[in-house]
């Protein structure tokens, strides 16, 4: 039994409207002279890259922009970005965008410092030391990559998403400016919001840190459920329940955008310390094959996994129901937990999240392969409140089909 836990975040977290202006002073304090920016064509088109480069211009640093970021970035894309950056020889990296761009920036900062290929660092604790100075600036509200220790790439050869996890991947600066999310379209807003909700729920319902089957003192990618993680998860769930639908329907609503930006960062702090589990494990193979966004895949699977885990976490699921706005007075924990799952199913419908695997192109004969690949991600199986068998995973996917 473990008796202690750790909690880590970005080196500096700056939050607030128009806080993008704080990037310049950070760069000057770091004495950075050559900045390589990872972003994408959509952000270039709507002017967010211009807002960033205007700030960078005040620092006197030389800047090169790589605007070829893609959703669910591949290993091949990471290598192409690396080859481009090598000739520029940056001393600092800025990731602007959703989780895909920020994850790509993390991998690039690792390769530029330590060399090799992305696969050299797949898994946990394989980054040998600090990476290049890295600032991450989200333009969506979901992944929490700006504060997390994870970077996910799609291994197209193996047809699965693969994580690199290391405390060195936590950005030195997480700059969360809610105004950068105002132009985010409805679908990415919905998908990202469901991703953040999944992060918070999996963190809050994970195996308790005291019961995690890892020897005391041994490094582990996640700590399990902790009191501090619970605080961040609860606040994130409450904010998402209050603001996600409004943010999707009223994209310029400042209160909703600010609430979701904060929720995503808090959920990122919760999951990157405590856990993600079976939802993410199942999404990695099906997302890579079916090319569904990470948030939509997580949102689709979330209530099915919650139903599987319900009896192992009755109290927690009853609390989640209350935080999601369900009237739980007079209900048993079992009834409240079930009502909370139903509320999340209703939320999916309100947001247009796919309700089943058929809607994203899955076929029944693909399900065993998805389950087998997910079952192989042992670090996530270890953190789930129920210890799933391969047959359990197949059953969850069958229910979701």
Protein backbone atom coordinates (compact mmCIF):
# COMPACT_ATOMS: atom_id res chain seq x y z
CA UNK A 1 0.00 0.00 0.00
CA UNK A 2 1.33 3.44 -0.96
CA UNK A 3 1.20 6.23 1.62
CA UNK A 4 2.16 9.26 -0.47
CA UNK A 5 1.34 10.91 -3.79
CA UNK A 6 2.78 13.56 -6.08
CA UNK A 7 1.16 16.37 -8.03
CA UNK A 8 2.85 18.19 -10.93
CA UNK A 9 1.89 20.81 -13.49
CA UNK A 10 3.39 23.22 -15.97
CA UNK A 11 6.34 25.27 -14.74
CA UNK A 12 4.17 28.40 -14.99
CA UNK A 13 0.44 28.63 -15.63
CA UNK A 14 -0.85 31.98 -16.85
CA UNK A 15 -4.63 32.22 -17.24
CA UNK A 16 -6.91 35.03 -18.32
CA UNK A 17 -8.29 37.05 -21.22
CA UNK A 18 -5.58 38.64 -23.37
CA UNK A 19 -2.87 36.89 -21.36
CA UNK A 20 -1.18 36.10 -24.68
CA UNK A 21 0.68 39.38 -24.08
CA UNK A 22 2.55 37.65 -21.23
CA UNK A 23 4.38 35.41 -23.69
CA UNK A 24 6.84 38.14 -24.63
CA UNK A 25 8.16 38.76 -21.11
CA UNK A 26 8.51 34.99 -20.55
CA UNK A 27 10.60 34.64 -23.73
CA UNK A 28 12.81 37.52 -22.69
CA UNK A 29 13.31 36.05 -19.21
CA UNK A 30 14.30 32.77 -20.83
CA UNK A 31 16.66 34.71 -23.15
CA UNK A 32 15.35 32.85 -26.19
CA UNK A 33 16.54 34.06 -29.58
CA UNK A 34 15.17 31.60 -32.14
CA UNK A 35 11.58 30.41 -31.77
CA UNK A 36 9.94 27.65 -33.77
CA UNK A 37 6.14 27.77 -33.75
CA UNK A 38 3.98 24.69 -34.31
CA UNK A 39 0.47 25.54 -35.52
CA UNK A 40 -1.91 24.77 -38.41
CA UNK A 41 -3.49 26.29 -41.48
CA UNK A 42 -6.87 26.91 -39.85
CA UNK A 43 -5.33 29.12 -37.18
CA UNK A 44 -3.26 30.86 -39.82
CA UNK A 45 -6.42 31.55 -41.83
CA UNK A 46 -8.44 33.03 -38.95
CA UNK A 47 -5.62 35.29 -37.76
CA UNK A 48 -4.58 33.66 -34.49
CA UNK A 49 -1.07 33.02 -35.78
CA UNK A 50 -0.80 36.72 -36.62
CA UNK A 51 -1.80 37.58 -33.04
CA UNK A 52 0.96 35.32 -31.82
CA UNK A 53 3.66 36.58 -34.17
CA UNK A 54 2.82 40.18 -33.27
CA UNK A 55 3.65 39.34 -29.65
CA UNK A 56 6.80 37.48 -30.67
CA UNK A 57 7.94 40.46 -32.73
CA UNK A 58 8.22 42.52 -29.53
CA UNK A 59 10.89 40.14 -28.20
CA UNK A 60 13.42 40.64 -30.98
CA UNK A 61 13.68 36.88 -31.47
CA UNK A 62 13.79 35.25 -34.90
CA UNK A 63 10.66 33.23 -35.60
CA UNK A 64 9.84 30.38 -37.98
CA UNK A 65 6.28 29.10 -38.27
CA UNK A 66 5.47 25.48 -39.11
CA UNK A 67 1.76 25.62 -40.00
CA UNK A 68 1.27 22.05 -41.21
CA UNK A 69 -0.15 20.68 -37.99
CA UNK A 70 -2.91 18.07 -38.43
CA UNK A 71 -5.52 16.47 -36.17
CA UNK A 72 -4.21 13.31 -34.51
CA UNK A 73 -0.67 13.93 -35.87
CA UNK A 74 1.27 11.02 -37.28
CA UNK A 75 4.83 9.91 -36.61
CA UNK A 76 5.65 10.92 -40.20
CA UNK A 77 4.41 14.47 -39.56
CA UNK A 78 6.52 14.71 -36.41
CA UNK A 79 9.61 13.69 -38.40
CA UNK A 80 8.83 16.26 -41.08
CA UNK A 81 8.51 19.02 -38.49
CA UNK A 82 11.80 17.86 -36.94
CA UNK A 83 13.62 18.01 -40.29
CA UNK A 84 12.29 21.54 -40.87
CA UNK A 85 13.29 22.71 -37.41
CA UNK A 86 16.80 21.25 -37.61
CA UNK A 87 17.81 23.73 -40.30
CA UNK A 88 16.41 26.65 -38.28
CA UNK A 89 18.17 25.59 -35.05
CA UNK A 90 15.63 26.97 -32.56
CA UNK A 91 16.36 27.45 -28.88
CA UNK A 92 12.67 27.46 -27.92
CA UNK A 93 9.37 25.98 -29.12
CA UNK A 94 5.85 27.42 -29.05
CA UNK A 95 2.82 25.18 -29.60
CA UNK A 96 -0.34 27.05 -30.63
CA UNK A 97 -3.59 25.20 -31.19
CA UNK A 98 -5.46 22.17 -29.92
CA UNK A 99 -3.91 19.16 -28.29
CA UNK A 100 -2.58 17.86 -31.59
CA UNK A 101 -0.39 20.92 -32.17
CA UNK A 102 0.74 21.08 -28.56
CA UNK A 103 1.60 17.37 -28.53
CA UNK A 104 3.56 17.79 -31.75
CA UNK A 105 5.44 20.69 -30.15
CA UNK A 106 6.34 18.48 -27.17
CA UNK A 107 7.73 15.74 -29.39
CA UNK A 108 9.66 18.28 -31.43
CA UNK A 109 11.17 19.88 -28.31
CA UNK A 110 12.25 16.40 -27.23
CA UNK A 111 13.82 15.43 -30.55
CA UNK A 112 15.67 18.73 -30.90
CA UNK A 113 17.22 18.29 -27.47
CA UNK A 114 17.89 14.55 -27.45
CA UNK A 115 17.81 13.38 -31.09
CA UNK A 116 16.52 10.05 -32.30
CA UNK A 117 13.01 9.35 -33.56
CA UNK A 118 9.60 9.68 -31.88
CA UNK A 119 9.39 5.94 -31.26
CA UNK A 120 12.51 6.12 -29.09
CA UNK A 121 10.39 7.89 -26.47
CA UNK A 122 7.09 6.00 -26.70
CA UNK A 123 5.89 4.79 -23.32
CA UNK A 124 6.71 6.18 -19.89
CA UNK A 125 9.86 7.82 -18.55
CA UNK A 126 12.01 7.35 -21.65
CA UNK A 127 12.85 11.05 -22.14
CA UNK A 128 16.32 11.27 -20.59
CA UNK A 129 16.27 14.88 -19.43
CA UNK A 130 14.87 18.39 -19.91
CA UNK A 131 13.65 19.29 -23.39
CA UNK A 132 13.93 22.62 -25.20
CA UNK A 133 12.06 25.45 -23.48
CA UNK A 134 8.42 25.01 -24.45
CA UNK A 135 5.37 27.26 -24.24
CA UNK A 136 1.95 25.76 -25.02
CA UNK A 137 -1.02 27.96 -25.88
CA UNK A 138 -4.40 26.22 -26.36
CA UNK A 139 -7.00 27.50 -28.81
CA UNK A 140 -9.51 24.80 -27.90
CA UNK A 141 -10.82 23.82 -24.46
CA UNK A 142 -10.37 20.11 -24.00
CA UNK A 143 -7.08 18.29 -24.10
CA UNK A 144 -5.25 19.90 -21.20
CA UNK A 145 -2.01 19.28 -23.09
CA UNK A 146 -0.78 22.69 -21.97
CA UNK A 147 -0.27 21.29 -18.46
CA UNK A 148 0.08 17.54 -19.06
CA UNK A 149 3.04 15.20 -19.28
CA UNK A 150 1.73 13.38 -22.35
CA UNK A 151 2.11 13.66 -26.10
CA UNK A 152 0.12 11.41 -28.44
CA UNK A 153 1.03 10.49 -32.01
CA UNK A 154 -0.70 8.16 -34.45
CA UNK A 155 1.42 5.18 -35.42
CA UNK A 156 -0.02 4.63 -38.88
CA UNK A 157 1.87 1.37 -39.41
CA UNK A 158 0.46 -0.22 -36.24
CA UNK A 159 -2.86 1.65 -36.55
CA UNK A 160 -2.92 2.86 -32.97
CA UNK A 161 -2.35 6.10 -31.11
CA UNK A 162 0.79 5.95 -28.98
CA UNK A 163 1.65 8.07 -25.95
CA UNK A 164 4.95 9.47 -24.79
CA UNK A 165 4.74 10.25 -21.08
CA UNK A 166 7.38 12.06 -19.07
CA UNK A 167 7.45 14.79 -16.47
CA UNK A 168 9.91 16.56 -18.79
CA UNK A 169 7.06 17.05 -21.31
CA UNK A 170 5.16 19.39 -19.03
CA UNK A 171 5.56 22.80 -20.69
CA UNK A 172 7.61 25.44 -18.94
CA UNK A 173 4.79 27.87 -19.73
CA UNK A 174 1.10 27.07 -20.10
CA UNK A 175 -0.58 30.21 -21.38
CA UNK A 176 -4.38 29.87 -21.35
CA UNK A 177 -6.05 32.88 -22.99
CA UNK A 178 -9.79 32.19 -23.33
CA UNK A 179 -10.14 34.81 -26.08
CA UNK A 180 -8.17 32.50 -28.37
CA UNK A 181 -11.06 30.00 -28.24
CA UNK A 182 -13.76 32.45 -29.39
CA UNK A 183 -13.46 31.40 -33.03
CA UNK A 184 -13.48 27.66 -32.35
CA UNK A 185 -16.30 26.05 -34.40
CA UNK A 186 -19.14 24.11 -32.80
CA UNK A 187 -17.89 20.58 -33.50
CA UNK A 188 -14.34 20.99 -32.14
CA UNK A 189 -15.83 22.86 -29.17
CA UNK A 190 -18.17 19.94 -28.44
CA UNK A 191 -15.53 17.26 -29.04
CA UNK A 192 -12.95 19.06 -26.92
CA UNK A 193 -15.42 19.61 -24.12
CA UNK A 194 -16.27 15.92 -23.99
CA UNK A 195 -12.56 15.14 -23.90
CA UNK A 196 -12.17 17.38 -20.84
CA UNK A 197 -15.20 15.77 -19.20
CA UNK A 198 -13.70 12.32 -19.80
CA UNK A 199 -10.40 13.45 -18.27
CA UNK A 200 -12.11 14.71 -15.13
CA UNK A 201 -14.34 11.65 -14.70
CA UNK A 202 -11.56 9.12 -15.26
CA UNK A 203 -9.30 11.00 -12.82
CA UNK A 204 -12.01 11.16 -10.15
CA UNK A 205 -13.01 7.50 -10.43
CA UNK A 206 -9.56 5.92 -10.83
CA UNK A 207 -7.94 3.42 -8.48
CA UNK A 208 -7.06 5.20 -5.24
CA UNK A 209 -3.37 6.08 -4.94
CA UNK A 210 -3.13 3.92 -1.79
CA UNK A 211 -4.24 0.86 -3.73
CA UNK A 212 -2.31 1.37 -6.94
CA UNK A 213 -0.28 -1.75 -7.62
CA UNK A 214 3.07 0.03 -7.92
CA UNK A 215 5.86 -0.22 -5.32
CA UNK A 216 6.38 2.89 -3.20
CA UNK A 217 9.00 5.19 -4.70
CA UNK A 218 8.86 3.62 -8.15
CA UNK A 219 8.14 6.15 -10.92
CA UNK A 220 4.69 5.76 -12.39
CA UNK A 221 2.94 7.62 -15.22
CA UNK A 222 -0.11 8.27 -13.02
CA UNK A 223 -0.58 8.48 -9.27
CA UNK A 224 -4.16 7.21 -9.07
CA UNK A 225 -7.00 9.06 -7.40
CA UNK A 226 -5.72 11.74 -4.97
CA UNK A 227 -7.35 14.46 -2.85
CA UNK A 228 -5.90 17.27 -4.96
CA UNK A 229 -6.92 15.55 -8.17
CA UNK A 230 -10.46 15.28 -6.77
CA UNK A 231 -10.58 19.05 -6.25
CA UNK A 232 -9.59 19.82 -9.83
CA UNK A 233 -11.87 17.12 -11.25
CA UNK A 234 -14.92 18.34 -9.34
CA UNK A 235 -14.43 21.95 -10.42
CA UNK A 236 -13.88 20.88 -14.03
CA UNK A 237 -17.06 18.77 -14.10
CA UNK A 238 -19.14 21.58 -12.58
CA UNK A 239 -17.78 24.09 -15.11
CA UNK A 240 -18.38 21.77 -18.06
CA UNK A 241 -21.95 21.09 -16.95
CA UNK A 242 -22.56 24.82 -16.67
CA UNK A 243 -20.86 26.04 -19.84
CA UNK A 244 -20.25 23.44 -22.55
CA UNK A 245 -23.62 23.54 -24.31
CA UNK A 246 -23.62 27.34 -24.26
CA UNK A 247 -20.08 27.48 -25.66
CA UNK A 248 -21.18 25.25 -28.56
CA UNK A 249 -24.39 27.17 -29.28
CA UNK A 250 -23.12 30.68 -28.55
CA UNK A 251 -19.45 30.69 -29.61
CA UNK A 252 -18.90 34.31 -28.64
CA UNK A 253 -20.32 33.91 -25.12
CA UNK A 254 -17.44 35.10 -22.96
CA UNK A 255 -18.59 33.49 -19.72
CA UNK A 256 -18.99 30.11 -21.38
CA UNK A 257 -15.67 30.29 -23.22
CA UNK A 258 -13.82 31.35 -20.10
CA UNK A 259 -15.50 28.63 -18.06
CA UNK A 260 -14.59 25.95 -20.57
CA UNK A 261 -10.98 27.17 -20.89
CA UNK A 262 -10.57 26.88 -17.13
CA UNK A 263 -12.35 23.51 -17.03
CA UNK A 264 -10.06 22.02 -19.66
CA UNK A 265 -6.92 23.13 -17.84
CA UNK A 266 -8.19 21.87 -14.47
CA UNK A 267 -9.18 18.54 -16.02
CA UNK A 268 -5.73 18.37 -17.61
CA UNK A 269 -4.10 18.82 -14.23
CA UNK A 270 -6.40 16.15 -12.75
CA UNK A 271 -5.92 13.44 -15.35
CA UNK A 272 -2.20 14.00 -15.97
CA UNK A 273 -1.54 13.38 -12.30
CA UNK A 274 -4.26 10.88 -11.39
CA UNK A 275 -5.32 8.80 -14.38
CA UNK A 276 -6.98 8.13 -17.60
CA UNK A 277 -8.15 4.57 -18.01
CA UNK A 278 -10.39 2.33 -20.11
CA UNK A 279 -12.11 5.09 -22.11
CA UNK A 280 -8.78 6.28 -23.43
CA UNK A 281 -7.42 2.78 -23.90
CA UNK A 282 -10.35 1.87 -26.13
CA UNK A 283 -10.26 5.15 -28.03
CA UNK A 284 -6.62 4.86 -29.06
CA UNK A 285 -7.05 1.95 -31.52
CA UNK A 286 -10.50 2.86 -32.82
CA UNK A 287 -9.56 6.52 -33.25
CA UNK A 288 -6.49 5.60 -35.26
CA UNK A 289 -8.42 3.26 -37.57
CA UNK A 290 -11.70 5.16 -37.90
CA UNK A 291 -10.14 8.66 -37.92
CA UNK A 292 -12.59 10.05 -35.41
CA UNK A 293 -11.41 12.97 -33.29
CA UNK A 294 -10.05 12.02 -29.88
CA UNK A 295 -12.74 14.00 -28.08
CA UNK A 296 -15.60 12.52 -30.11
CA UNK A 297 -14.25 9.01 -29.58
CA UNK A 298 -13.91 9.55 -25.85
CA UNK A 299 -17.34 11.13 -25.64
CA UNK A 300 -18.91 8.23 -27.52
CA UNK A 301 -17.34 5.63 -25.24
CA UNK A 302 -17.64 7.47 -21.91
CA UNK A 303 -21.14 6.40 -20.76
CA UNK A 304 -20.55 2.79 -21.77
CA UNK A 305 -17.36 2.61 -19.67
CA UNK A 306 -19.07 4.46 -16.81
CA UNK A 307 -21.82 1.85 -16.80
CA UNK A 308 -19.19 -0.89 -16.64
CA UNK A 309 -17.43 0.85 -13.71
CA UNK A 310 -20.57 1.97 -11.86
CA UNK A 311 -20.73 -0.64 -9.10
CA UNK A 312 -17.06 -0.13 -8.28
CA UNK A 313 -17.53 3.62 -7.79
CA UNK A 314 -21.14 4.17 -6.66
CA UNK A 315 -20.35 7.11 -4.37
CA UNK A 316 -18.22 8.89 -6.94
CA UNK A 317 -20.71 8.43 -9.76
CA UNK A 318 -23.50 9.72 -7.52
CA UNK A 319 -21.40 12.82 -6.84
CA UNK A 320 -20.71 13.28 -10.55
CA UNK A 321 -24.46 13.16 -11.20
CA UNK A 322 -25.03 15.96 -8.71
CA UNK A 323 -22.22 18.05 -10.24
CA UNK A 324 -23.78 17.48 -13.69
CA UNK A 325 -27.02 19.03 -12.44
CA UNK A 326 -29.03 15.88 -11.72
CA UNK A 327 -31.52 16.18 -8.84
CA UNK A 328 -30.22 13.39 -6.63
CA UNK A 329 -32.19 14.08 -3.42
CA UNK A 330 -33.98 10.92 -2.36
CA UNK A 331 -32.08 8.70 -4.77
CA UNK A 332 -29.84 5.85 -3.73
CA UNK A 333 -26.21 6.00 -4.86
CA UNK A 334 -27.04 3.38 -7.49
CA UNK A 335 -29.99 5.39 -8.80
CA UNK A 336 -28.04 8.64 -8.75
CA UNK A 337 -25.10 7.09 -10.58
CA UNK A 338 -27.38 5.69 -13.27
CA UNK A 339 -29.10 9.07 -13.60
CA UNK A 340 -25.69 10.72 -14.04
CA UNK A 341 -24.83 8.35 -16.86
CA UNK A 342 -28.17 9.13 -18.49
CA UNK A 343 -27.40 12.85 -18.19
CA UNK A 344 -24.12 12.35 -20.04
CA UNK A 345 -25.97 10.44 -22.75
CA UNK A 346 -28.37 13.38 -23.05
CA UNK A 347 -25.41 15.77 -23.23
CA UNK A 348 -23.95 13.73 -26.09
CA UNK A 349 -27.18 14.11 -28.02
CA UNK A 350 -27.34 17.84 -27.33
CA UNK A 351 -23.80 18.25 -28.65
CA UNK A 352 -24.07 15.94 -31.64
CA UNK A 353 -21.50 13.46 -30.32
CA UNK A 354 -21.87 10.08 -32.09
CA UNK A 355 -24.02 7.73 -30.02
CA UNK A 356 -22.58 4.44 -31.23
CA UNK A 357 -19.64 2.96 -33.08
CA UNK A 358 -21.65 2.31 -36.23
CA UNK A 359 -22.07 6.06 -36.68
CA UNK A 360 -18.30 6.50 -37.02
CA UNK A 361 -17.89 3.66 -39.48
CA UNK A 362 -17.01 0.73 -37.25
CA UNK A 363 -17.87 -2.79 -38.27
CA UNK A 364 -18.56 -5.61 -35.83
CA UNK A 365 -15.58 -7.62 -37.03
CA UNK A 366 -13.23 -4.77 -35.99
CA UNK A 367 -14.27 -4.90 -32.33
CA UNK A 368 -12.07 -7.83 -31.19
CA UNK A 369 -8.98 -6.15 -32.64
CA UNK A 370 -9.80 -2.86 -30.91
CA UNK A 371 -10.31 -4.67 -27.60
CA UNK A 372 -7.06 -6.60 -27.94
CA UNK A 373 -4.99 -3.50 -28.62
CA UNK A 374 -6.65 -1.62 -25.76
CA UNK A 375 -6.05 -4.54 -23.39
CA UNK A 376 -2.35 -4.30 -24.22
CA UNK A 377 -2.12 -0.78 -22.76
CA UNK A 378 -1.46 -2.09 -19.27
CA UNK A 379 -0.74 1.27 -17.63
CA UNK A 380 -4.37 2.26 -18.32
CA UNK A 381 -5.86 -1.11 -17.37
CA UNK A 382 -4.06 -0.77 -14.02
CA UNK A 383 -5.81 2.52 -13.21
CA UNK A 384 -9.39 1.51 -13.94
CA UNK A 385 -11.52 0.99 -10.81
CA UNK A 386 -12.48 -2.47 -12.11
CA UNK A 387 -9.76 -4.70 -13.49
CA UNK A 388 -11.06 -5.53 -16.97
CA UNK A 389 -10.54 -8.75 -18.83
CA UNK A 390 -10.26 -8.87 -22.59
CA UNK A 391 -13.82 -10.19 -22.64
CA UNK A 392 -14.96 -7.17 -20.56
CA UNK A 393 -13.50 -4.79 -23.13
CA UNK A 394 -15.19 -6.72 -25.91
CA UNK A 395 -18.45 -6.41 -24.01
CA UNK A 396 -18.10 -2.63 -23.64
CA UNK A 397 -17.46 -2.27 -27.35
CA UNK A 398 -20.38 -4.55 -28.18
CA UNK A 399 -22.66 -2.40 -26.03
CA UNK A 400 -21.32 0.72 -27.78
CA UNK A 401 -21.80 -0.79 -31.23
